[in-house]
Protein backbone atom coordinates (compact mmCIF):
# COMPACT_ATOMS: atom_id res chain seq x y z
CA UNK A 1 0.00 0.00 0.00
CA UNK A 2 1.25 3.45 -0.89
CA UNK A 3 2.20 5.26 2.35
CA UNK A 4 1.09 8.58 0.86
CA UNK A 5 -2.51 7.35 0.73
CA UNK A 6 -2.89 8.39 4.37
CA UNK A 7 -2.04 11.97 3.40
CA UNK A 8 -4.92 11.97 0.92
CA UNK A 9 -7.11 15.05 1.51
CA UNK A 10 -10.23 12.88 1.18
CA UNK A 11 -9.19 10.87 4.23
CA UNK A 12 -8.31 14.09 6.04
CA UNK A 13 -11.72 15.62 5.21
CA UNK A 14 -13.67 12.62 6.51
CA UNK A 15 -11.45 12.35 9.59
CA UNK A 16 -11.97 16.03 10.43
CA UNK A 17 -15.71 15.64 9.85
CA UNK A 18 -15.84 12.73 12.34
CA UNK A 19 -13.79 14.66 14.90
CA UNK A 20 -16.01 17.74 14.63
CA UNK A 21 -19.16 15.64 14.85
CA UNK A 22 -17.91 13.78 17.94
CA UNK A 23 -16.89 16.99 19.70
CA UNK A 24 -20.16 18.79 19.00
CA UNK A 25 -22.26 15.72 19.84
CA UNK A 26 -20.64 15.49 23.28
CA UNK A 27 -21.28 19.15 24.03
CA UNK A 28 -24.87 18.98 22.74
CA UNK A 29 -25.73 15.81 24.69
CA UNK A 30 -24.74 17.35 28.03
CA UNK A 31 -26.81 20.45 27.32
CA UNK A 32 -29.86 18.45 26.18
CA UNK A 33 -29.68 16.33 29.33
CA UNK A 34 -30.00 19.51 31.42
CA UNK A 35 -33.44 19.91 29.82
CA UNK A 36 -34.52 16.28 30.08
CA UNK A 37 -34.04 15.49 26.39
CA UNK A 38 -31.96 12.93 24.56
CA UNK A 39 -30.20 14.05 21.38
CA UNK A 40 -32.73 12.15 19.23
CA UNK A 41 -35.68 13.71 21.10
CA UNK A 42 -34.23 17.16 20.49
CA UNK A 43 -33.77 16.31 16.81
CA UNK A 44 -37.38 15.12 16.52
CA UNK A 45 -38.76 18.24 18.24
CA UNK A 46 -36.61 20.51 16.08
CA UNK A 47 -37.62 18.74 12.85
CA UNK A 48 -41.29 19.04 13.78
CA UNK A 49 -41.01 22.69 14.85
CA UNK A 50 -39.31 23.57 11.54
CA UNK A 51 -41.89 21.74 9.43
CA UNK A 52 -45.11 23.18 7.99
CA UNK A 53 -47.86 22.92 10.58
CA UNK A 54 -45.30 21.67 13.13
CA UNK A 55 -45.87 18.14 11.85
CA UNK A 56 -44.43 15.40 9.67
CA UNK A 57 -45.65 12.02 8.50
CA UNK A 58 -44.00 9.35 10.59
CA UNK A 59 -42.27 7.99 7.46
CA UNK A 60 -40.92 11.45 6.60
CA UNK A 61 -39.69 11.90 10.17
CA UNK A 62 -37.80 8.61 9.83
CA UNK A 63 -36.32 9.78 6.51
CA UNK A 64 -35.13 13.05 8.06
CA UNK A 65 -33.50 11.44 11.09
CA UNK A 66 -31.04 8.66 11.68
CA UNK A 67 -33.88 6.42 12.89
CA UNK A 68 -35.59 3.51 11.22
CA UNK A 69 -39.37 3.53 10.90
CA UNK A 70 -39.68 1.28 13.96
CA UNK A 71 -37.14 3.46 15.81
CA UNK A 72 -39.23 6.55 15.12
CA UNK A 73 -42.31 4.72 16.41
CA UNK A 74 -40.56 3.94 19.70
CA UNK A 75 -39.27 7.50 20.12
CA UNK A 76 -42.66 8.99 19.24
CA UNK A 77 -44.37 6.62 21.70
CA UNK A 78 -42.08 7.81 24.50
CA UNK A 79 -42.39 11.48 23.56
CA UNK A 80 -46.16 11.19 23.25
CA UNK A 81 -46.29 9.65 26.72
CA UNK A 82 -44.24 12.64 27.97
CA UNK A 83 -46.66 15.09 26.28
CA UNK A 84 -44.05 16.55 23.91
CA UNK A 85 -45.85 15.47 20.75
CA UNK A 86 -48.89 13.57 19.61
CA UNK A 87 -50.06 11.57 16.65
CA UNK A 88 -52.69 12.78 14.23
CA UNK A 89 -54.35 10.59 11.62
CA UNK A 90 -53.67 11.40 8.00
CA UNK A 91 -56.99 12.34 6.40
CA UNK A 92 -55.97 11.11 2.94
CA UNK A 93 -54.24 7.84 3.92
CA UNK A 94 -55.52 5.73 6.79
CA UNK A 95 -52.21 3.86 6.90
CA UNK A 96 -50.26 7.04 7.71
CA UNK A 97 -50.15 9.29 10.70
CA UNK A 98 -48.43 12.53 11.56
CA UNK A 99 -46.24 13.34 14.53
CA UNK A 100 -47.26 16.81 15.74
CA UNK A 101 -45.34 18.85 18.30
CA UNK A 102 -47.47 19.96 21.25
CA UNK A 103 -47.37 23.19 23.24
CA UNK A 104 -45.32 21.36 25.87
CA UNK A 105 -42.88 20.24 23.17
CA UNK A 106 -42.52 23.79 21.88
CA UNK A 107 -42.01 25.03 25.43
CA UNK A 108 -39.25 22.45 26.00
CA UNK A 109 -37.57 23.61 22.78
CA UNK A 110 -37.86 27.24 23.90
CA UNK A 111 -36.07 26.30 27.15
CA UNK A 112 -33.37 24.30 25.36
CA UNK A 113 -32.61 26.46 22.32
CA UNK A 114 -30.78 29.41 23.96
CA UNK A 115 -28.08 27.15 25.39
CA UNK A 116 -27.97 25.07 22.21
CA UNK A 117 -27.49 28.18 20.08
CA UNK A 118 -24.70 29.37 22.39
CA UNK A 119 -22.88 26.06 21.89
CA UNK A 120 -23.37 26.24 18.12
CA UNK A 121 -22.06 29.80 18.01
CA UNK A 122 -19.09 29.15 20.29
CA UNK A 123 -17.92 25.83 18.87
CA UNK A 124 -19.18 25.77 15.27
CA UNK A 125 -20.54 28.74 13.33
CA UNK A 126 -18.62 31.30 15.37
CA UNK A 127 -15.37 29.67 14.21
CA UNK A 128 -16.12 30.65 10.60
CA UNK A 129 -16.26 33.91 8.68
CA UNK A 130 -19.67 34.51 7.00
CA UNK A 131 -18.39 33.53 3.53
CA UNK A 132 -16.83 30.34 4.90
CA UNK A 133 -20.06 29.47 6.70
CA UNK A 134 -22.10 30.03 3.53
CA UNK A 135 -19.72 27.80 1.56
CA UNK A 136 -19.86 25.12 4.27
CA UNK A 137 -23.66 25.15 4.29
CA UNK A 138 -23.75 24.85 0.51
CA UNK A 139 -21.30 21.97 0.56
CA UNK A 140 -23.08 20.15 3.37
CA UNK A 141 -26.43 20.44 1.57
CA UNK A 142 -24.92 19.01 -1.61
CA UNK A 143 -23.36 16.12 0.28
CA UNK A 144 -26.56 15.52 2.28
CA UNK A 145 -28.65 15.45 -0.89
CA UNK A 146 -26.26 12.93 -2.47
CA UNK A 147 -25.95 10.54 0.48
CA UNK A 148 -29.41 11.03 2.04
CA UNK A 149 -31.81 12.18 -0.70
CA UNK A 150 -34.92 11.68 1.45
CA UNK A 151 -33.70 14.03 4.18
CA UNK A 152 -36.12 16.78 3.18
CA UNK A 153 -39.14 14.49 2.76
CA UNK A 154 -42.35 16.04 4.03
CA UNK A 155 -41.01 19.56 4.21
CA UNK A 156 -43.03 20.83 1.25
CA UNK A 157 -46.13 21.59 3.27
CA UNK A 158 -48.30 18.89 1.69
CA UNK A 159 -49.70 17.70 5.02
CA UNK A 160 -53.03 18.40 6.66
CA UNK A 161 -54.12 21.94 7.39
CA UNK A 162 -51.95 23.73 9.93
CA UNK A 163 -53.30 23.37 13.45
CA UNK A 164 -51.90 25.33 16.41
CA UNK A 165 -49.77 22.97 18.51
CA UNK A 166 -51.83 23.67 21.64
CA UNK A 167 -54.95 22.25 20.01
CA UNK A 168 -53.54 19.80 17.46
CA UNK A 169 -54.13 16.60 19.42
C-alpha atoms as a PDB file:
ATOM      1  CA  UNK A   1       0.000   0.000   0.000  1.00  0.00           C
ATOM      2  CA  UNK A   2       1.252   3.451  -0.890  1.00  0.00           C
ATOM      3  CA  UNK A   3       2.205   5.262   2.348  1.00  0.00           C
ATOM      4  CA  UNK A   4       1.085   8.576   0.861  1.00  0.00           C
ATOM      5  CA  UNK A   5      -2.505   7.353   0.726  1.00  0.00           C
ATOM      6  CA  UNK A   6      -2.893   8.389   4.367  1.00  0.00           C
ATOM      7  CA  UNK A   7      -2.036  11.968   3.404  1.00  0.00           C
ATOM      8  CA  UNK A   8      -4.924  11.972   0.921  1.00  0.00           C
ATOM      9  CA  UNK A   9      -7.113  15.054   1.513  1.00  0.00           C
ATOM     10  CA  UNK A  10     -10.228  12.881   1.185  1.00  0.00           C
ATOM     11  CA  UNK A  11      -9.191  10.874   4.231  1.00  0.00           C
ATOM     12  CA  UNK A  12      -8.313  14.092   6.037  1.00  0.00           C
ATOM     13  CA  UNK A  13     -11.719  15.616   5.210  1.00  0.00           C
ATOM     14  CA  UNK A  14     -13.666  12.623   6.508  1.00  0.00           C
ATOM     15  CA  UNK A  15     -11.448  12.355   9.594  1.00  0.00           C
ATOM     16  CA  UNK A  16     -11.972  16.026  10.425  1.00  0.00           C
ATOM     17  CA  UNK A  17     -15.710  15.642   9.850  1.00  0.00           C
ATOM     18  CA  UNK A  18     -15.840  12.726  12.342  1.00  0.00           C
ATOM     19  CA  UNK A  19     -13.786  14.658  14.904  1.00  0.00           C
ATOM     20  CA  UNK A  20     -16.006  17.745  14.633  1.00  0.00           C
ATOM     21  CA  UNK A  21     -19.159  15.636  14.849  1.00  0.00           C
ATOM     22  CA  UNK A  22     -17.915  13.775  17.936  1.00  0.00           C
ATOM     23  CA  UNK A  23     -16.886  16.993  19.699  1.00  0.00           C
ATOM     24  CA  UNK A  24     -20.159  18.787  18.996  1.00  0.00           C
ATOM     25  CA  UNK A  25     -22.257  15.724  19.844  1.00  0.00           C
ATOM     26  CA  UNK A  26     -20.642  15.486  23.275  1.00  0.00           C
ATOM     27  CA  UNK A  27     -21.281  19.154  24.026  1.00  0.00           C
ATOM     28  CA  UNK A  28     -24.870  18.976  22.740  1.00  0.00           C
ATOM     29  CA  UNK A  29     -25.732  15.811  24.685  1.00  0.00           C
ATOM     30  CA  UNK A  30     -24.738  17.347  28.026  1.00  0.00           C
ATOM     31  CA  UNK A  31     -26.811  20.455  27.320  1.00  0.00           C
ATOM     32  CA  UNK A  32     -29.862  18.446  26.178  1.00  0.00           C
ATOM     33  CA  UNK A  33     -29.675  16.335  29.327  1.00  0.00           C
ATOM     34  CA  UNK A  34     -29.998  19.506  31.416  1.00  0.00           C
ATOM     35  CA  UNK A  35     -33.436  19.906  29.816  1.00  0.00           C
ATOM     36  CA  UNK A  36     -34.517  16.282  30.075  1.00  0.00           C
ATOM     37  CA  UNK A  37     -34.040  15.487  26.390  1.00  0.00           C
ATOM     38  CA  UNK A  38     -31.961  12.931  24.556  1.00  0.00           C
ATOM     39  CA  UNK A  39     -30.200  14.053  21.376  1.00  0.00           C
ATOM     40  CA  UNK A  40     -32.730  12.151  19.231  1.00  0.00           C
ATOM     41  CA  UNK A  41     -35.683  13.714  21.100  1.00  0.00           C
ATOM     42  CA  UNK A  42     -34.226  17.164  20.489  1.00  0.00           C
ATOM     43  CA  UNK A  43     -33.771  16.307  16.814  1.00  0.00           C
ATOM     44  CA  UNK A  44     -37.382  15.119  16.521  1.00  0.00           C
ATOM     45  CA  UNK A  45     -38.757  18.239  18.235  1.00  0.00           C
ATOM     46  CA  UNK A  46     -36.610  20.507  16.075  1.00  0.00           C
ATOM     47  CA  UNK A  47     -37.616  18.738  12.848  1.00  0.00           C
ATOM     48  CA  UNK A  48     -41.292  19.045  13.781  1.00  0.00           C
ATOM     49  CA  UNK A  49     -41.012  22.691  14.852  1.00  0.00           C
ATOM     50  CA  UNK A  50     -39.305  23.570  11.545  1.00  0.00           C
ATOM     51  CA  UNK A  51     -41.893  21.742   9.427  1.00  0.00           C
ATOM     52  CA  UNK A  52     -45.110  23.184   7.989  1.00  0.00           C
ATOM     53  CA  UNK A  53     -47.862  22.922  10.580  1.00  0.00           C
ATOM     54  CA  UNK A  54     -45.301  21.674  13.129  1.00  0.00           C
ATOM     55  CA  UNK A  55     -45.866  18.144  11.848  1.00  0.00           C
ATOM     56  CA  UNK A  56     -44.435  15.399   9.675  1.00  0.00           C
ATOM     57  CA  UNK A  57     -45.645  12.023   8.504  1.00  0.00           C
ATOM     58  CA  UNK A  58     -43.999   9.354  10.590  1.00  0.00           C
ATOM     59  CA  UNK A  59     -42.273   7.991   7.463  1.00  0.00           C
ATOM     60  CA  UNK A  60     -40.918  11.448   6.602  1.00  0.00           C
ATOM     61  CA  UNK A  61     -39.691  11.898  10.172  1.00  0.00           C
ATOM     62  CA  UNK A  62     -37.797   8.612   9.834  1.00  0.00           C
ATOM     63  CA  UNK A  63     -36.320   9.778   6.510  1.00  0.00           C
ATOM     64  CA  UNK A  64     -35.129  13.050   8.063  1.00  0.00           C
ATOM     65  CA  UNK A  65     -33.496  11.442  11.093  1.00  0.00           C
ATOM     66  CA  UNK A  66     -31.042   8.659  11.683  1.00  0.00           C
ATOM     67  CA  UNK A  67     -33.877   6.424  12.892  1.00  0.00           C
ATOM     68  CA  UNK A  68     -35.593   3.507  11.221  1.00  0.00           C
ATOM     69  CA  UNK A  69     -39.373   3.527  10.902  1.00  0.00           C
ATOM     70  CA  UNK A  70     -39.675   1.282  13.956  1.00  0.00           C
ATOM     71  CA  UNK A  71     -37.139   3.464  15.807  1.00  0.00           C
ATOM     72  CA  UNK A  72     -39.234   6.547  15.117  1.00  0.00           C
ATOM     73  CA  UNK A  73     -42.306   4.721  16.408  1.00  0.00           C
ATOM     74  CA  UNK A  74     -40.556   3.940  19.700  1.00  0.00           C
ATOM     75  CA  UNK A  75     -39.272   7.498  20.123  1.00  0.00           C
ATOM     76  CA  UNK A  76     -42.665   8.986  19.242  1.00  0.00           C
ATOM     77  CA  UNK A  77     -44.373   6.616  21.698  1.00  0.00           C
ATOM     78  CA  UNK A  78     -42.083   7.807  24.501  1.00  0.00           C
ATOM     79  CA  UNK A  79     -42.388  11.481  23.559  1.00  0.00           C
ATOM     80  CA  UNK A  80     -46.162  11.188  23.248  1.00  0.00           C
ATOM     81  CA  UNK A  81     -46.291   9.655  26.723  1.00  0.00           C
ATOM     82  CA  UNK A  82     -44.244  12.636  27.969  1.00  0.00           C
ATOM     83  CA  UNK A  83     -46.655  15.090  26.285  1.00  0.00           C
ATOM     84  CA  UNK A  84     -44.051  16.551  23.908  1.00  0.00           C
ATOM     85  CA  UNK A  85     -45.852  15.470  20.750  1.00  0.00           C
ATOM     86  CA  UNK A  86     -48.891  13.572  19.612  1.00  0.00           C
ATOM     87  CA  UNK A  87     -50.062  11.574  16.647  1.00  0.00           C
ATOM     88  CA  UNK A  88     -52.687  12.780  14.235  1.00  0.00           C
ATOM     89  CA  UNK A  89     -54.355  10.587  11.623  1.00  0.00           C
ATOM     90  CA  UNK A  90     -53.665  11.398   8.000  1.00  0.00           C
ATOM     91  CA  UNK A  91     -56.988  12.342   6.398  1.00  0.00           C
ATOM     92  CA  UNK A  92     -55.973  11.111   2.939  1.00  0.00           C
ATOM     93  CA  UNK A  93     -54.236   7.839   3.918  1.00  0.00           C
ATOM     94  CA  UNK A  94     -55.515   5.728   6.795  1.00  0.00           C
ATOM     95  CA  UNK A  95     -52.208   3.859   6.903  1.00  0.00           C
ATOM     96  CA  UNK A  96     -50.259   7.035   7.712  1.00  0.00           C
ATOM     97  CA  UNK A  97     -50.152   9.294  10.700  1.00  0.00           C
ATOM     98  CA  UNK A  98     -48.428  12.533  11.558  1.00  0.00           C
ATOM     99  CA  UNK A  99     -46.242  13.339  14.526  1.00  0.00           C
ATOM    100  CA  UNK A 100     -47.259  16.806  15.738  1.00  0.00           C
ATOM    101  CA  UNK A 101     -45.344  18.850  18.297  1.00  0.00           C
ATOM    102  CA  UNK A 102     -47.468  19.961  21.254  1.00  0.00           C
ATOM    103  CA  UNK A 103     -47.372  23.188  23.237  1.00  0.00           C
ATOM    104  CA  UNK A 104     -45.316  21.362  25.868  1.00  0.00           C
ATOM    105  CA  UNK A 105     -42.876  20.237  23.172  1.00  0.00           C
ATOM    106  CA  UNK A 106     -42.524  23.791  21.875  1.00  0.00           C
ATOM    107  CA  UNK A 107     -42.006  25.026  25.433  1.00  0.00           C
ATOM    108  CA  UNK A 108     -39.248  22.446  25.995  1.00  0.00           C
ATOM    109  CA  UNK A 109     -37.571  23.608  22.778  1.00  0.00           C
ATOM    110  CA  UNK A 110     -37.857  27.236  23.903  1.00  0.00           C
ATOM    111  CA  UNK A 111     -36.072  26.299  27.148  1.00  0.00           C
ATOM    112  CA  UNK A 112     -33.373  24.305  25.362  1.00  0.00           C
ATOM    113  CA  UNK A 113     -32.615  26.464  22.318  1.00  0.00           C
ATOM    114  CA  UNK A 114     -30.784  29.410  23.956  1.00  0.00           C
ATOM    115  CA  UNK A 115     -28.076  27.150  25.388  1.00  0.00           C
ATOM    116  CA  UNK A 116     -27.968  25.072  22.213  1.00  0.00           C
ATOM    117  CA  UNK A 117     -27.492  28.176  20.076  1.00  0.00           C
ATOM    118  CA  UNK A 118     -24.699  29.371  22.392  1.00  0.00           C
ATOM    119  CA  UNK A 119     -22.877  26.064  21.892  1.00  0.00           C
ATOM    120  CA  UNK A 120     -23.372  26.238  18.124  1.00  0.00           C
ATOM    121  CA  UNK A 121     -22.057  29.796  18.013  1.00  0.00           C
ATOM    122  CA  UNK A 122     -19.086  29.145  20.293  1.00  0.00           C
ATOM    123  CA  UNK A 123     -17.920  25.834  18.872  1.00  0.00           C
ATOM    124  CA  UNK A 124     -19.181  25.770  15.269  1.00  0.00           C
ATOM    125  CA  UNK A 125     -20.538  28.738  13.329  1.00  0.00           C
ATOM    126  CA  UNK A 126     -18.616  31.298  15.366  1.00  0.00           C
ATOM    127  CA  UNK A 127     -15.373  29.669  14.207  1.00  0.00           C
ATOM    128  CA  UNK A 128     -16.118  30.647  10.598  1.00  0.00           C
ATOM    129  CA  UNK A 129     -16.260  33.907   8.676  1.00  0.00           C
ATOM    130  CA  UNK A 130     -19.674  34.509   6.997  1.00  0.00           C
ATOM    131  CA  UNK A 131     -18.386  33.534   3.530  1.00  0.00           C
ATOM    132  CA  UNK A 132     -16.831  30.342   4.895  1.00  0.00           C
ATOM    133  CA  UNK A 133     -20.060  29.467   6.703  1.00  0.00           C
ATOM    134  CA  UNK A 134     -22.105  30.029   3.526  1.00  0.00           C
ATOM    135  CA  UNK A 135     -19.719  27.800   1.559  1.00  0.00           C
ATOM    136  CA  UNK A 136     -19.855  25.117   4.269  1.00  0.00           C
ATOM    137  CA  UNK A 137     -23.665  25.153   4.294  1.00  0.00           C
ATOM    138  CA  UNK A 138     -23.748  24.852   0.512  1.00  0.00           C
ATOM    139  CA  UNK A 139     -21.297  21.965   0.557  1.00  0.00           C
ATOM    140  CA  UNK A 140     -23.083  20.152   3.369  1.00  0.00           C
ATOM    141  CA  UNK A 141     -26.430  20.439   1.569  1.00  0.00           C
ATOM    142  CA  UNK A 142     -24.921  19.009  -1.608  1.00  0.00           C
ATOM    143  CA  UNK A 143     -23.359  16.122   0.282  1.00  0.00           C
ATOM    144  CA  UNK A 144     -26.558  15.525   2.279  1.00  0.00           C
ATOM    145  CA  UNK A 145     -28.646  15.448  -0.892  1.00  0.00           C
ATOM    146  CA  UNK A 146     -26.263  12.935  -2.467  1.00  0.00           C
ATOM    147  CA  UNK A 147     -25.951  10.543   0.485  1.00  0.00           C
ATOM    148  CA  UNK A 148     -29.405  11.025   2.036  1.00  0.00           C
ATOM    149  CA  UNK A 149     -31.805  12.179  -0.701  1.00  0.00           C
ATOM    150  CA  UNK A 150     -34.921  11.680   1.454  1.00  0.00           C
ATOM    151  CA  UNK A 151     -33.696  14.030   4.185  1.00  0.00           C
ATOM    152  CA  UNK A 152     -36.123  16.782   3.178  1.00  0.00           C
ATOM    153  CA  UNK A 153     -39.143  14.489   2.761  1.00  0.00           C
ATOM    154  CA  UNK A 154     -42.345  16.038   4.028  1.00  0.00           C
ATOM    155  CA  UNK A 155     -41.009  19.561   4.215  1.00  0.00           C
ATOM    156  CA  UNK A 156     -43.030  20.825   1.255  1.00  0.00           C
ATOM    157  CA  UNK A 157     -46.132  21.590   3.271  1.00  0.00           C
ATOM    158  CA  UNK A 158     -48.297  18.890   1.685  1.00  0.00           C
ATOM    159  CA  UNK A 159     -49.695  17.701   5.019  1.00  0.00           C
ATOM    160  CA  UNK A 160     -53.035  18.398   6.664  1.00  0.00           C
ATOM    161  CA  UNK A 161     -54.118  21.945   7.387  1.00  0.00           C
ATOM    162  CA  UNK A 162     -51.953  23.727   9.931  1.00  0.00           C
ATOM    163  CA  UNK A 163     -53.296  23.374  13.446  1.00  0.00           C
ATOM    164  CA  UNK A 164     -51.901  25.328  16.413  1.00  0.00           C
ATOM    165  CA  UNK A 165     -49.766  22.973  18.514  1.00  0.00           C
ATOM    166  CA  UNK A 166     -51.827  23.672  21.636  1.00  0.00           C
ATOM    167  CA  UNK A 167     -54.947  22.246  20.005  1.00  0.00           C
ATOM    168  CA  UNK A 168     -53.540  19.801  17.463  1.00  0.00           C
ATOM    169  CA  UNK A 169     -54.130  16.595  19.423  1.00  0.00           C
END
